[in-house]
PDB file of all heavy atoms in Angstrom:
ATOM      1  N   VAL A   1      96.110 118.803 113.286  1.00  0.00           N
ATOM      2  CA  VAL A   1      95.660 119.303 111.976  1.00  0.00           C
ATOM      3  C   VAL A   1      94.699 120.418 112.260  1.00  0.00           C
ATOM      4  O   VAL A   1      94.873 121.427 111.458  1.00  0.00           O
ATOM      5  CB  VAL A   1      94.828 118.078 111.240  1.00  0.00           C
ATOM      6  CG1 VAL A   1      94.041 118.643 110.039  1.00  0.00           C
ATOM      7  CG2 VAL A   1      95.671 116.987 110.959  1.00  0.00           C
ATOM      8  N   LYS A   2      93.887 120.429 113.166  1.00  0.00           N
ATOM      9  CA  LYS A   2      93.029 121.595 113.471  1.00  0.00           C
ATOM     10  C   LYS A   2      93.747 122.936 113.814  1.00  0.00           C
ATOM     11  O   LYS A   2      93.339 123.961 113.340  1.00  0.00           O
ATOM     12  CB  LYS A   2      92.009 121.187 114.545  1.00  0.00           C
ATOM     13  CG  LYS A   2      90.919 120.284 114.284  1.00  0.00           C
ATOM     14  CD  LYS A   2      89.838 120.042 115.360  1.00  0.00           C
ATOM     15  CE  LYS A   2      88.756 119.229 114.875  1.00  0.00           C
ATOM     16  NZ  LYS A   2      87.748 118.954 115.960  1.00  0.00           N
ATOM     17  N   LYS A   3      94.852 122.712 114.469  1.00  0.00           N
ATOM     18  CA  LYS A   3      95.603 123.876 114.866  1.00  0.00           C
ATOM     19  C   LYS A   3      96.361 124.424 113.581  1.00  0.00           C
ATOM     20  O   LYS A   3      96.348 125.697 113.518  1.00  0.00           O
ATOM     21  CB  LYS A   3      96.699 123.509 115.985  1.00  0.00           C
ATOM     22  CG  LYS A   3      96.099 123.330 117.291  1.00  0.00           C
ATOM     23  CD  LYS A   3      97.136 123.239 118.393  1.00  0.00           C
ATOM     24  CE  LYS A   3      96.433 123.226 119.788  1.00  0.00           C
ATOM     25  NZ  LYS A   3      97.483 123.322 120.977  1.00  0.00           N
ATOM     26  N   ILE A   4      96.800 123.599 112.759  1.00  0.00           N
ATOM     27  CA  ILE A   4      97.464 124.133 111.567  1.00  0.00           C
ATOM     28  C   ILE A   4      96.264 124.669 110.628  1.00  0.00           C
ATOM     29  O   ILE A   4      96.569 125.834 109.941  1.00  0.00           O
ATOM     30  CB  ILE A   4      98.112 122.941 110.781  1.00  0.00           C
ATOM     31  CG1 ILE A   4      99.235 122.348 111.614  1.00  0.00           C
ATOM     32  CG2 ILE A   4      98.489 123.182 109.261  1.00  0.00           C
ATOM     33  CD1 ILE A   4     100.006 121.291 110.868  1.00  0.00           C
ATOM     34  N   LEU A   5      95.211 124.156 110.558  1.00  0.00           N
ATOM     35  CA  LEU A   5      94.043 124.744 109.813  1.00  0.00           C
ATOM     36  C   LEU A   5      93.685 126.158 110.414  1.00  0.00           C
ATOM     37  O   LEU A   5      93.423 127.108 109.651  1.00  0.00           O
ATOM     38  CB  LEU A   5      92.848 123.906 109.796  1.00  0.00           C
ATOM     39  CG  LEU A   5      93.003 122.648 109.167  1.00  0.00           C
ATOM     40  CD1 LEU A   5      91.701 121.812 109.079  1.00  0.00           C
ATOM     41  CD2 LEU A   5      93.581 122.705 107.682  1.00  0.00           C
ATOM     42  N   PHE A   6      93.639 126.150 111.694  1.00  0.00           N
ATOM     43  CA  PHE A   6      93.455 127.484 112.369  1.00  0.00           C
ATOM     44  C   PHE A   6      94.519 128.529 112.052  1.00  0.00           C
ATOM     45  O   PHE A   6      94.233 129.704 111.871  1.00  0.00           O
ATOM     46  CB  PHE A   6      93.194 127.299 113.894  1.00  0.00           C
ATOM     47  CG  PHE A   6      93.082 128.616 114.607  1.00  0.00           C
ATOM     48  CD1 PHE A   6      91.727 129.123 114.522  1.00  0.00           C
ATOM     49  CD2 PHE A   6      93.914 129.237 115.438  1.00  0.00           C
ATOM     50  CE1 PHE A   6      91.432 130.371 115.207  1.00  0.00           C
ATOM     51  CE2 PHE A   6      93.651 130.312 116.100  1.00  0.00           C
ATOM     52  CZ  PHE A   6      92.412 130.925 116.085  1.00  0.00           C
ATOM     53  N   LEU A   7      95.692 128.074 111.958  1.00  0.00           N
ATOM     54  CA  LEU A   7      96.803 128.977 111.635  1.00  0.00           C
ATOM     55  C   LEU A   7      96.659 129.601 110.200  1.00  0.00           C
ATOM     56  O   LEU A   7      96.732 130.666 109.907  1.00  0.00           O
ATOM     57  CB  LEU A   7      98.026 128.257 111.647  1.00  0.00           C
ATOM     58  CG  LEU A   7      99.401 129.066 111.305  1.00  0.00           C
ATOM     59  CD1 LEU A   7      99.508 130.274 112.110  1.00  0.00           C
ATOM     60  CD2 LEU A   7     100.592 128.141 111.201  1.00  0.00           C
ATOM     61  N   SER A   8      96.266 128.639 109.260  1.00  0.00           N
ATOM     62  CA  SER A   8      95.874 129.114 107.957  1.00  0.00           C
ATOM     63  C   SER A   8      94.681 130.155 107.888  1.00  0.00           C
ATOM     64  O   SER A   8      94.718 131.105 107.170  1.00  0.00           O
ATOM     65  CB  SER A   8      95.410 127.987 107.061  1.00  0.00           C
ATOM     66  OG  SER A   8      96.535 127.069 106.995  1.00  0.00           O
ATOM     67  N   TYR A   9      93.637 129.889 108.792  1.00  0.00           N
ATOM     68  CA  TYR A   9      92.599 130.743 108.910  1.00  0.00           C
ATOM     69  C   TYR A   9      93.117 132.155 109.464  1.00  0.00           C
ATOM     70  O   TYR A   9      92.672 133.322 108.794  1.00  0.00           O
ATOM     71  CB  TYR A   9      91.449 130.260 109.730  1.00  0.00           C
ATOM     72  CG  TYR A   9      90.511 131.274 110.242  1.00  0.00           C
ATOM     73  CD1 TYR A   9      89.568 131.657 109.353  1.00  0.00           C
ATOM     74  CD2 TYR A   9      90.459 131.896 111.497  1.00  0.00           C
ATOM     75  CE1 TYR A   9      88.486 132.667 109.768  1.00  0.00           C
ATOM     76  CE2 TYR A   9      89.592 132.808 111.835  1.00  0.00           C
ATOM     77  CZ  TYR A   9      88.674 133.192 110.997  1.00  0.00           C
ATOM     78  OH  TYR A   9      87.697 134.203 111.363  1.00  0.00           O
ATOM     79  N   CYS A  10      93.811 132.166 110.424  1.00  0.00           N
ATOM     80  CA  CYS A  10      94.311 133.458 111.017  1.00  0.00           C
ATOM     81  C   CYS A  10      95.157 134.293 109.938  1.00  0.00           C
ATOM     82  O   CYS A  10      95.177 135.437 110.138  1.00  0.00           O
ATOM     83  CB  CYS A  10      95.207 133.224 112.375  1.00  0.00           C
ATOM     84  SG  CYS A  10      94.145 132.519 113.613  1.00  0.00           S
ATOM     85  N   ASP A  11      95.785 133.680 109.086  1.00  0.00           N
ATOM     86  CA  ASP A  11      96.612 134.345 108.026  1.00  0.00           C
ATOM     87  C   ASP A  11      95.768 134.848 107.015  1.00  0.00           C
ATOM     88  O   ASP A  11      96.246 135.651 106.157  1.00  0.00           O
ATOM     89  CB  ASP A  11      97.576 133.298 107.538  1.00  0.00           C
ATOM     90  CG  ASP A  11      98.715 133.898 106.657  1.00  0.00           C
ATOM     91  OD1 ASP A  11      99.498 134.660 107.280  1.00  0.00           O
ATOM     92  OD2 ASP A  11      98.697 133.631 105.331  1.00  0.00           O
ATOM     93  N   LEU A  12      94.521 134.613 106.868  1.00  0.00           N
ATOM     94  CA  LEU A  12      93.558 135.173 105.826  1.00  0.00           C
ATOM     95  C   LEU A  12      93.403 136.644 106.103  1.00  0.00           C
ATOM     96  O   LEU A  12      93.238 137.093 107.260  1.00  0.00           O
ATOM     97  CB  LEU A  12      92.294 134.488 105.815  1.00  0.00           C
ATOM     98  CG  LEU A  12      92.159 132.946 105.488  1.00  0.00           C
ATOM     99  CD1 LEU A  12      90.764 132.525 105.580  1.00  0.00           C
ATOM    100  CD2 LEU A  12      92.670 132.760 104.033  1.00  0.00           C
ATOM    101  N   PRO A  13      93.318 137.445 104.954  1.00  0.00           N
ATOM    102  CA  PRO A  13      93.001 138.826 105.194  1.00  0.00           C
ATOM    103  C   PRO A  13      91.523 138.880 105.550  1.00  0.00           C
ATOM    104  O   PRO A  13      90.777 137.931 105.369  1.00  0.00           O
ATOM    105  CB  PRO A  13      93.203 139.413 103.753  1.00  0.00           C
ATOM    106  CG  PRO A  13      93.265 138.249 102.858  1.00  0.00           C
ATOM    107  CD  PRO A  13      93.751 137.107 103.725  1.00  0.00           C
ATOM    108  N   HIS A  14      91.155 140.039 106.174  1.00  0.00           N
ATOM    109  CA  HIS A  14      89.749 140.096 106.717  1.00  0.00           C
ATOM    110  C   HIS A  14      88.692 139.795 105.638  1.00  0.00           C
ATOM    111  O   HIS A  14      87.670 139.145 106.055  1.00  0.00           O
ATOM    112  CB  HIS A  14      89.586 141.537 107.296  1.00  0.00           C
ATOM    113  CG  HIS A  14      88.150 141.720 107.864  1.00  0.00           C
ATOM    114  ND1 HIS A  14      87.756 141.120 108.954  1.00  0.00           N
ATOM    115  CD2 HIS A  14      87.072 142.539 107.331  1.00  0.00           C
ATOM    116  CE1 HIS A  14      86.435 141.555 109.217  1.00  0.00           C
ATOM    117  NE2 HIS A  14      86.080 142.348 108.229  1.00  0.00           N
ATOM    118  N   TYR A  15      88.777 140.342 104.540  1.00  0.00           N
ATOM    119  CA  TYR A  15      87.695 140.163 103.394  1.00  0.00           C
ATOM    120  C   TYR A  15      87.586 138.685 103.124  1.00  0.00           C
ATOM    121  O   TYR A  15      86.439 138.137 102.750  1.00  0.00           O
ATOM    122  CB  TYR A  15      88.073 140.850 102.174  1.00  0.00           C
ATOM    123  CG  TYR A  15      89.266 140.637 101.448  1.00  0.00           C
ATOM    124  CD1 TYR A  15      89.429 139.552 100.502  1.00  0.00           C
ATOM    125  CD2 TYR A  15      90.488 141.287 101.836  1.00  0.00           C
ATOM    126  CE1 TYR A  15      90.562 139.297  99.784  1.00  0.00           C
ATOM    127  CE2 TYR A  15      91.763 141.016 101.045  1.00  0.00           C
ATOM    128  CZ  TYR A  15      91.691 139.949 100.130  1.00  0.00           C
ATOM    129  OH  TYR A  15      92.843 139.642  99.454  1.00  0.00           O
ATOM    130  N   LEU A  16      88.648 137.783 103.181  1.00  0.00           N
ATOM    131  CA  LEU A  16      88.590 136.360 102.970  1.00  0.00           C
ATOM    132  C   LEU A  16      88.041 135.689 104.171  1.00  0.00           C
ATOM    133  O   LEU A  16      87.332 134.548 103.909  1.00  0.00           O
ATOM    134  CB  LEU A  16      89.915 135.832 102.461  1.00  0.00           C
ATOM    135  CG  LEU A  16      90.354 135.970 101.155  1.00  0.00           C
ATOM    136  CD1 LEU A  16      91.683 135.323 100.931  1.00  0.00           C
ATOM    137  CD2 LEU A  16      89.169 135.501 100.111  1.00  0.00           C
ATOM    138  N   LYS A  17      88.163 136.244 105.350  1.00  0.00           N
ATOM    139  CA  LYS A  17      87.717 135.506 106.573  1.00  0.00           C
ATOM    140  C   LYS A  17      86.283 135.361 106.500  1.00  0.00           C
ATOM    141  O   LYS A  17      85.653 134.381 106.831  1.00  0.00           O
ATOM    142  CB  LYS A  17      88.254 136.182 107.815  1.00  0.00           C
ATOM    143  CG  LYS A  17      89.727 135.869 108.194  1.00  0.00           C
ATOM    144  CD  LYS A  17      90.200 136.585 109.461  1.00  0.00           C
ATOM    145  CE  LYS A  17      91.528 136.221 109.871  1.00  0.00           C
ATOM    146  NZ  LYS A  17      91.940 136.993 111.047  1.00  0.00           N
ATOM    147  N   ILE A  18      85.608 136.518 106.076  1.00  0.00           N
ATOM    148  CA  ILE A  18      84.276 136.665 106.137  1.00  0.00           C
ATOM    149  C   ILE A  18      83.592 135.642 105.105  1.00  0.00           C
ATOM    150  O   ILE A  18      82.605 134.848 105.394  1.00  0.00           O
ATOM    151  CB  ILE A  18      83.696 138.076 105.733  1.00  0.00           C
ATOM    152  CG1 ILE A  18      84.174 139.006 106.828  1.00  0.00           C
ATOM    153  CG2 ILE A  18      82.186 138.086 105.518  1.00  0.00           C
ATOM    154  CD1 ILE A  18      83.811 140.501 106.495  1.00  0.00           C
ATOM    155  N   CYS A  19      84.190 135.537 103.949  1.00  0.00           N
ATOM    156  CA  CYS A  19      83.677 134.580 102.898  1.00  0.00           C
ATOM    157  C   CYS A  19      83.955 133.171 103.394  1.00  0.00           C
ATOM    158  O   CYS A  19      83.105 132.319 103.035  1.00  0.00           O
ATOM    159  CB  CYS A  19      84.400 134.889 101.641  1.00  0.00           C
ATOM    160  SG  CYS A  19      84.070 136.452 100.801  1.00  0.00           S
ATOM    161  N   PHE A  20      85.059 132.978 103.995  1.00  0.00           N
ATOM    162  CA  PHE A  20      85.365 131.593 104.598  1.00  0.00           C
ATOM    163  C   PHE A  20      84.379 131.213 105.623  1.00  0.00           C
ATOM    164  O   PHE A  20      83.904 130.044 105.567  1.00  0.00           O
ATOM    165  CB  PHE A  20      86.780 131.655 105.057  1.00  0.00           C
ATOM    166  CG  PHE A  20      87.196 130.357 105.541  1.00  0.00           C
ATOM    167  CD1 PHE A  20      87.498 129.273 104.744  1.00  0.00           C
ATOM    168  CD2 PHE A  20      87.530 130.168 106.993  1.00  0.00           C
ATOM    169  CE1 PHE A  20      87.938 127.947 105.181  1.00  0.00           C
ATOM    170  CE2 PHE A  20      88.012 128.889 107.352  1.00  0.00           C
ATOM    171  CZ  PHE A  20      88.243 127.841 106.449  1.00  0.00           C
ATOM    172  N   LEU A  21      83.981 132.199 106.562  1.00  0.00           N
ATOM    173  CA  LEU A  21      83.018 131.688 107.603  1.00  0.00           C
ATOM    174  C   LEU A  21      81.668 131.455 106.990  1.00  0.00           C
ATOM    175  O   LEU A  21      80.934 130.703 107.495  1.00  0.00           O
ATOM    176  CB  LEU A  21      82.910 132.840 108.637  1.00  0.00           C
ATOM    177  CG  LEU A  21      84.178 133.024 109.518  1.00  0.00           C
ATOM    178  CD1 LEU A  21      84.001 134.341 110.475  1.00  0.00           C
ATOM    179  CD2 LEU A  21      84.456 131.809 110.195  1.00  0.00           C
ATOM    180  N   ASP A  22      81.369 132.109 105.797  1.00  0.00           N
ATOM    181  CA  ASP A  22      80.063 131.918 105.186  1.00  0.00           C
ATOM    182  C   ASP A  22      79.844 130.492 104.729  1.00  0.00           C
ATOM    183  O   ASP A  22      78.749 129.944 104.477  1.00  0.00           O
ATOM    184  CB  ASP A  22      79.836 132.821 104.061  1.00  0.00           C
ATOM    185  CG  ASP A  22      78.506 132.798 103.504  1.00  0.00           C
ATOM    186  OD1 ASP A  22      77.504 133.146 104.223  1.00  0.00           O
ATOM    187  OD2 ASP A  22      78.282 132.570 102.302  1.00  0.00           O
ATOM    188  N   LEU A  23      80.947 129.758 104.594  1.00  0.00           N
ATOM    189  CA  LEU A  23      80.815 128.235 104.190  1.00  0.00           C
ATOM    190  C   LEU A  23      80.255 127.413 105.166  1.00  0.00           C
ATOM    191  O   LEU A  23      79.884 126.286 104.970  1.00  0.00           O
ATOM    192  CB  LEU A  23      82.274 127.799 103.833  1.00  0.00           C
ATOM    193  CG  LEU A  23      82.923 128.482 102.543  1.00  0.00           C
ATOM    194  CD1 LEU A  23      84.381 128.060 102.388  1.00  0.00           C
ATOM    195  CD2 LEU A  23      82.065 128.306 101.336  1.00  0.00           C
ATOM    196  N   SER A  24      80.164 127.855 106.445  1.00  0.00           N
ATOM    197  CA  SER A  24      79.630 127.182 107.530  1.00  0.00           C
ATOM    198  C   SER A  24      78.031 126.980 107.268  1.00  0.00           C
ATOM    199  O   SER A  24      77.434 126.135 107.972  1.00  0.00           O
ATOM    200  CB  SER A  24      79.772 127.848 108.895  1.00  0.00           C
ATOM    201  OG  SER A  24      79.180 129.179 108.903  1.00  0.00           O
ATOM    202  N   ILE A  25      77.474 127.794 106.442  1.00  0.00           N
ATOM    203  CA  ILE A  25      76.033 127.586 106.101  1.00  0.00           C
ATOM    204  C   ILE A  25      75.668 126.337 105.510  1.00  0.00           C
ATOM    205  O   ILE A  25      74.647 125.780 105.757  1.00  0.00           O
ATOM    206  CB  ILE A  25      75.652 128.631 105.076  1.00  0.00           C
ATOM    207  CG1 ILE A  25      75.885 130.106 105.801  1.00  0.00           C
ATOM    208  CG2 ILE A  25      74.253 128.557 104.522  1.00  0.00           C
ATOM    209  CD1 ILE A  25      74.868 130.891 106.354  1.00  0.00           C
ATOM    210  N   PHE A  26      76.661 125.659 104.768  1.00  0.00           N
ATOM    211  CA  PHE A  26      76.389 124.491 104.011  1.00  0.00           C
ATOM    212  C   PHE A  26      76.620 123.240 104.760  1.00  0.00           C
ATOM    213  O   PHE A  26      77.564 123.062 105.516  1.00  0.00           O
ATOM    214  CB  PHE A  26      77.214 124.504 102.707  1.00  0.00           C
ATOM    215  CG  PHE A  26      76.975 125.712 101.895  1.00  0.00           C
ATOM    216  CD1 PHE A  26      77.777 126.849 101.895  1.00  0.00           C
ATOM    217  CD2 PHE A  26      75.989 125.704 100.948  1.00  0.00           C
ATOM    218  CE1 PHE A  26      77.604 127.967 101.161  1.00  0.00           C
ATOM    219  CE2 PHE A  26      75.794 126.831 100.143  1.00  0.00           C
ATOM    220  CZ  PHE A  26      76.512 127.988 100.272  1.00  0.00           C
ATOM    221  N   PRO A  27      75.853 122.219 104.519  1.00  0.00           N
ATOM    222  CA  PRO A  27      76.003 120.863 105.212  1.00  0.00           C
ATOM    223  C   PRO A  27      77.244 120.265 104.780  1.00  0.00           C
ATOM    224  O   PRO A  27      77.905 120.600 103.814  1.00  0.00           O
ATOM    225  CB  PRO A  27      74.743 120.058 104.777  1.00  0.00           C
ATOM    226  CG  PRO A  27      73.885 121.085 104.267  1.00  0.00           C
ATOM    227  CD  PRO A  27      74.563 122.119 103.616  1.00  0.00           C
ATOM    228  N   GLU A  28      77.721 119.222 105.551  1.00  0.00           N
ATOM    229  CA  GLU A  28      78.944 118.507 105.381  1.00  0.00           C
ATOM    230  C   GLU A  28      78.684 117.812 103.940  1.00  0.00           C
ATOM    231  O   GLU A  28      77.690 117.235 103.586  1.00  0.00           O
ATOM    232  CB  GLU A  28      79.175 117.454 106.438  1.00  0.00           C
ATOM    233  CG  GLU A  28      80.432 116.607 106.390  1.00  0.00           C
ATOM    234  CD  GLU A  28      80.610 115.724 107.391  1.00  0.00           C
ATOM    235  OE1 GLU A  28      79.991 115.897 108.545  1.00  0.00           O
ATOM    236  OE2 GLU A  28      81.331 114.536 107.149  1.00  0.00           O
ATOM    237  N   ASP A  29      79.818 117.712 103.187  1.00  0.00           N
ATOM    238  CA  ASP A  29      80.018 117.041 101.958  1.00  0.00           C
ATOM    239  C   ASP A  29      79.161 117.794 100.775  1.00  0.00           C
ATOM    240  O   ASP A  29      78.957 117.213  99.767  1.00  0.00           O
ATOM    241  CB  ASP A  29      79.564 115.593 102.032  1.00  0.00           C
ATOM    242  CG  ASP A  29      80.577 114.826 102.793  1.00  0.00           C
ATOM    243  OD1 ASP A  29      81.845 115.263 102.800  1.00  0.00           O
ATOM    244  OD2 ASP A  29      80.179 113.915 103.534  1.00  0.00           O
ATOM    245  N   HIS A  30      78.531 118.835 101.076  1.00  0.00           N
ATOM    246  CA  HIS A  30      77.648 119.601 100.109  1.00  0.00           C
ATOM    247  C   HIS A  30      78.539 120.143  99.000  1.00  0.00           C
ATOM    248  O   HIS A  30      79.554 120.673  99.227  1.00  0.00           O
ATOM    249  CB  HIS A  30      77.017 120.678 100.838  1.00  0.00           C
ATOM    250  CG  HIS A  30      75.826 121.310  99.942  1.00  0.00           C
ATOM    251  ND1 HIS A  30      74.672 120.681  99.669  1.00  0.00           N
ATOM    252  CD2 HIS A  30      75.877 122.523  99.296  1.00  0.00           C
ATOM    253  CE1 HIS A  30      73.891 121.543  98.980  1.00  0.00           C
ATOM    254  NE2 HIS A  30      74.623 122.546  98.621  1.00  0.00           N
ATOM    255  N   VAL A  31      78.147 119.895  97.884  1.00  0.00           N
ATOM    256  CA  VAL A  31      78.847 120.444  96.549  1.00  0.00           C
ATOM    257  C   VAL A  31      78.239 121.894  96.435  1.00  0.00           C
ATOM    258  O   VAL A  31      77.086 122.008  96.119  1.00  0.00           O
ATOM    259  CB  VAL A  31      78.606 119.628  95.318  1.00  0.00           C
ATOM    260  CG1 VAL A  31      79.274 120.194  94.134  1.00  0.00           C
ATOM    261  CG2 VAL A  31      79.271 118.150  95.543  1.00  0.00           C
ATOM    262  N   ILE A  32      79.048 122.830  96.502  1.00  0.00           N
ATOM    263  CA  ILE A  32      78.674 124.332  96.434  1.00  0.00           C
ATOM    264  C   ILE A  32      79.107 124.777  95.005  1.00  0.00           C
ATOM    265  O   ILE A  32      80.249 124.981  94.782  1.00  0.00           O
ATOM    266  CB  ILE A  32      79.346 125.113  97.581  1.00  0.00           C
ATOM    267  CG1 ILE A  32      79.186 124.370  99.027  1.00  0.00           C
ATOM    268  CG2 ILE A  32      78.872 126.511  97.686  1.00  0.00           C
ATOM    269  CD1 ILE A  32      80.273 124.974  99.993  1.00  0.00           C
ATOM    270  N   GLY A  33      78.029 125.174  94.369  1.00  0.00           N
ATOM    271  CA  GLY A  33      78.274 125.733  92.978  1.00  0.00           C
ATOM    272  C   GLY A  33      79.067 127.076  93.091  1.00  0.00           C
ATOM    273  O   GLY A  33      78.640 127.937  93.956  1.00  0.00           O
ATOM    274  N   ARG A  34      80.210 127.287  92.283  1.00  0.00           N
ATOM    275  CA  ARG A  34      80.931 128.513  92.347  1.00  0.00           C
ATOM    276  C   ARG A  34      80.090 129.743  92.030  1.00  0.00           C
ATOM    277  O   ARG A  34      80.150 130.673  92.805  1.00  0.00           O
ATOM    278  CB  ARG A  34      82.075 128.374  91.296  1.00  0.00           C
ATOM    279  CG  ARG A  34      83.018 129.508  91.452  1.00  0.00           C
ATOM    280  CD  ARG A  34      84.022 129.619  90.291  1.00  0.00           C
ATOM    281  NE  ARG A  34      83.436 130.350  89.072  1.00  0.00           N
ATOM    282  CZ  ARG A  34      83.010 129.723  87.964  1.00  0.00           C
ATOM    283  NH1 ARG A  34      83.361 128.461  87.829  1.00  0.00           N
ATOM    284  NH2 ARG A  34      82.590 130.426  87.037  1.00  0.00           N
ATOM    285  N   SER A  35      79.356 129.789  90.891  1.00  0.00           N
ATOM    286  CA  SER A  35      78.601 130.873  90.551  1.00  0.00           C
ATOM    287  C   SER A  35      77.523 131.275  91.651  1.00  0.00           C
ATOM    288  O   SER A  35      77.295 132.455  91.921  1.00  0.00           O
ATOM    289  CB  SER A  35      77.988 130.823  89.217  1.00  0.00           C
ATOM    290  OG  SER A  35      77.113 129.751  89.106  1.00  0.00           O
ATOM    291  N   CYS A  36      76.905 130.281  92.220  1.00  0.00           N
ATOM    292  CA  CYS A  36      75.847 130.471  93.105  1.00  0.00           C
ATOM    293  C   CYS A  36      76.492 131.136  94.488  1.00  0.00           C
ATOM    294  O   CYS A  36      75.952 132.047  95.160  1.00  0.00           O
ATOM    295  CB  CYS A  36      75.026 129.265  93.546  1.00  0.00           C
ATOM    296  SG  CYS A  36      74.143 128.700  92.218  1.00  0.00           S
ATOM    297  N   LEU A  37      77.720 130.547  94.784  1.00  0.00           N
ATOM    298  CA  LEU A  37      78.374 130.955  95.982  1.00  0.00           C
ATOM    299  C   LEU A  37      78.813 132.488  95.864  1.00  0.00           C
ATOM    300  O   LEU A  37      78.503 133.243  96.858  1.00  0.00           O
ATOM    301  CB  LEU A  37      79.707 130.193  96.279  1.00  0.00           C
ATOM    302  CG  LEU A  37      80.393 130.530  97.529  1.00  0.00           C
ATOM    303  CD1 LEU A  37      79.526 130.365  98.899  1.00  0.00           C
ATOM    304  CD2 LEU A  37      81.670 129.630  97.589  1.00  0.00           C
ATOM    305  N   ILE A  38      79.341 132.878  94.758  1.00  0.00           N
ATOM    306  CA  ILE A  38      79.904 134.270  94.552  1.00  0.00           C
ATOM    307  C   ILE A  38      78.728 135.170  94.570  1.00  0.00           C
ATOM    308  O   ILE A  38      78.793 136.374  94.951  1.00  0.00           O
ATOM    309  CB  ILE A  38      80.817 134.330  93.512  1.00  0.00           C
ATOM    310  CG1 ILE A  38      80.089 134.223  92.110  1.00  0.00           C
ATOM    311  CG2 ILE A  38      82.058 133.451  93.553  1.00  0.00           C
ATOM    312  CD1 ILE A  38      80.956 134.475  90.896  1.00  0.00           C
ATOM    313  N   ARG A  39      77.540 134.704  94.116  1.00  0.00           N
ATOM    314  CA  ARG A  39      76.350 135.700  93.960  1.00  0.00           C
ATOM    315  C   ARG A  39      75.826 135.788  95.392  1.00  0.00           C
ATOM    316  O   ARG A  39      75.297 136.901  95.708  1.00  0.00           O
ATOM    317  CB  ARG A  39      75.410 135.159  92.901  1.00  0.00           C
ATOM    318  CG  ARG A  39      75.886 135.153  91.578  1.00  0.00           C
ATOM    319  CD  ARG A  39      74.789 135.140  90.479  1.00  0.00           C
ATOM    320  NE  ARG A  39      75.385 135.364  89.287  1.00  0.00           N
ATOM    321  CZ  ARG A  39      75.671 136.527  88.644  1.00  0.00           C
ATOM    322  NH1 ARG A  39      75.669 137.618  89.274  1.00  0.00           N
ATOM    323  NH2 ARG A  39      76.200 136.536  87.458  1.00  0.00           N
ATOM    324  N   ARG A  40      75.863 134.741  96.198  1.00  0.00           N
ATOM    325  CA  ARG A  40      75.438 134.960  97.599  1.00  0.00           C
ATOM    326  C   ARG A  40      76.374 135.910  98.326  1.00  0.00           C
ATOM    327  O   ARG A  40      75.933 136.718  99.066  1.00  0.00           O
ATOM    328  CB  ARG A  40      75.560 133.547  98.398  1.00  0.00           C
ATOM    329  CG  ARG A  40      74.355 132.535  98.006  1.00  0.00           C
ATOM    330  CD  ARG A  40      74.549 131.352  98.903  1.00  0.00           C
ATOM    331  NE  ARG A  40      74.602 131.597 100.377  1.00  0.00           N
ATOM    332  CZ  ARG A  40      73.889 131.263 101.219  1.00  0.00           C
ATOM    333  NH1 ARG A  40      72.747 130.358 100.917  1.00  0.00           N
ATOM    334  NH2 ARG A  40      73.933 131.549 102.474  1.00  0.00           N
ATOM    335  N   TRP A  41      77.693 135.752  98.022  1.00  0.00           N
ATOM    336  CA  TRP A  41      78.636 136.810  98.737  1.00  0.00           C
ATOM    337  C   TRP A  41      78.218 138.239  98.306  1.00  0.00           C
ATOM    338  O   TRP A  41      78.306 139.132  99.158  1.00  0.00           O
ATOM    339  CB  TRP A  41      80.082 136.405  98.267  1.00  0.00           C
ATOM    340  CG  TRP A  41      80.673 135.136  98.951  1.00  0.00           C
ATOM    341  CD1 TRP A  41      80.061 134.456  99.919  1.00  0.00           C
ATOM    342  CD2 TRP A  41      81.800 134.496  98.484  1.00  0.00           C
ATOM    343  NE1 TRP A  41      80.997 133.445 100.244  1.00  0.00           N
ATOM    344  CE2 TRP A  41      81.934 133.373  99.434  1.00  0.00           C
ATOM    345  CE3 TRP A  41      82.687 134.643  97.536  1.00  0.00           C
ATOM    346  CZ2 TRP A  41      83.050 132.429  99.143  1.00  0.00           C
ATOM    347  CZ3 TRP A  41      83.731 133.805  97.353  1.00  0.00           C
ATOM    348  CH2 TRP A  41      83.931 132.688  98.244  1.00  0.00           C
ATOM    349  N   ILE A  42      78.074 138.312  97.080  1.00  0.00           N
ATOM    350  CA  ILE A  42      77.763 139.726  96.479  1.00  0.00           C
ATOM    351  C   ILE A  42      76.430 140.265  97.128  1.00  0.00           C
ATOM    352  O   ILE A  42      76.328 141.358  97.616  1.00  0.00           O
ATOM    353  CB  ILE A  42      77.576 139.789  94.944  1.00  0.00           C
ATOM    354  CG1 ILE A  42      78.904 139.498  94.350  1.00  0.00           C
ATOM    355  CG2 ILE A  42      76.897 141.102  94.467  1.00  0.00           C
ATOM    356  CD1 ILE A  42      78.858 139.222  92.865  1.00  0.00           C
ATOM    357  N   ALA A  43      75.418 139.428  97.251  1.00  0.00           N
ATOM    358  CA  ALA A  43      74.192 139.739  97.840  1.00  0.00           C
ATOM    359  C   ALA A  43      74.244 140.015  99.267  1.00  0.00           C
ATOM    360  O   ALA A  43      73.523 141.017  99.843  1.00  0.00           O
ATOM    361  CB  ALA A  43      73.140 138.603  97.736  1.00  0.00           C
ATOM    362  N   GLU A  44      75.227 139.457  99.891  1.00  0.00           N
ATOM    363  CA  GLU A  44      75.352 139.784 101.493  1.00  0.00           C
ATOM    364  C   GLU A  44      76.277 141.019 101.740  1.00  0.00           C
ATOM    365  O   GLU A  44      76.359 141.424 102.792  1.00  0.00           O
ATOM    366  CB  GLU A  44      75.868 138.619 102.229  1.00  0.00           C
ATOM    367  CG  GLU A  44      74.823 137.604 102.497  1.00  0.00           C
ATOM    368  CD  GLU A  44      74.874 137.149 103.962  1.00  0.00           C
ATOM    369  OE1 GLU A  44      74.786 137.984 104.819  1.00  0.00           O
ATOM    370  OE2 GLU A  44      75.029 135.929 104.269  1.00  0.00           O
ATOM    371  N   GLY A  45      76.908 141.441 100.612  1.00  0.00           N
ATOM    372  CA  GLY A  45      77.772 142.717 100.751  1.00  0.00           C
ATOM    373  C   GLY A  45      79.101 142.319 101.177  1.00  0.00           C
ATOM    374  O   GLY A  45      79.978 143.204 101.797  1.00  0.00           O
TER     375      GLY A  45
END
């Protein structure tokens, strides 16, 4: 499963890889608000 997920990651365009890696900030099972998340992305550039 991890290898298949890694394949999905590798297929992401560069701009999505950065946003995807940013999700590592949040703890396991954390519910991440959509509007808060996109405003964090904007703030970080």
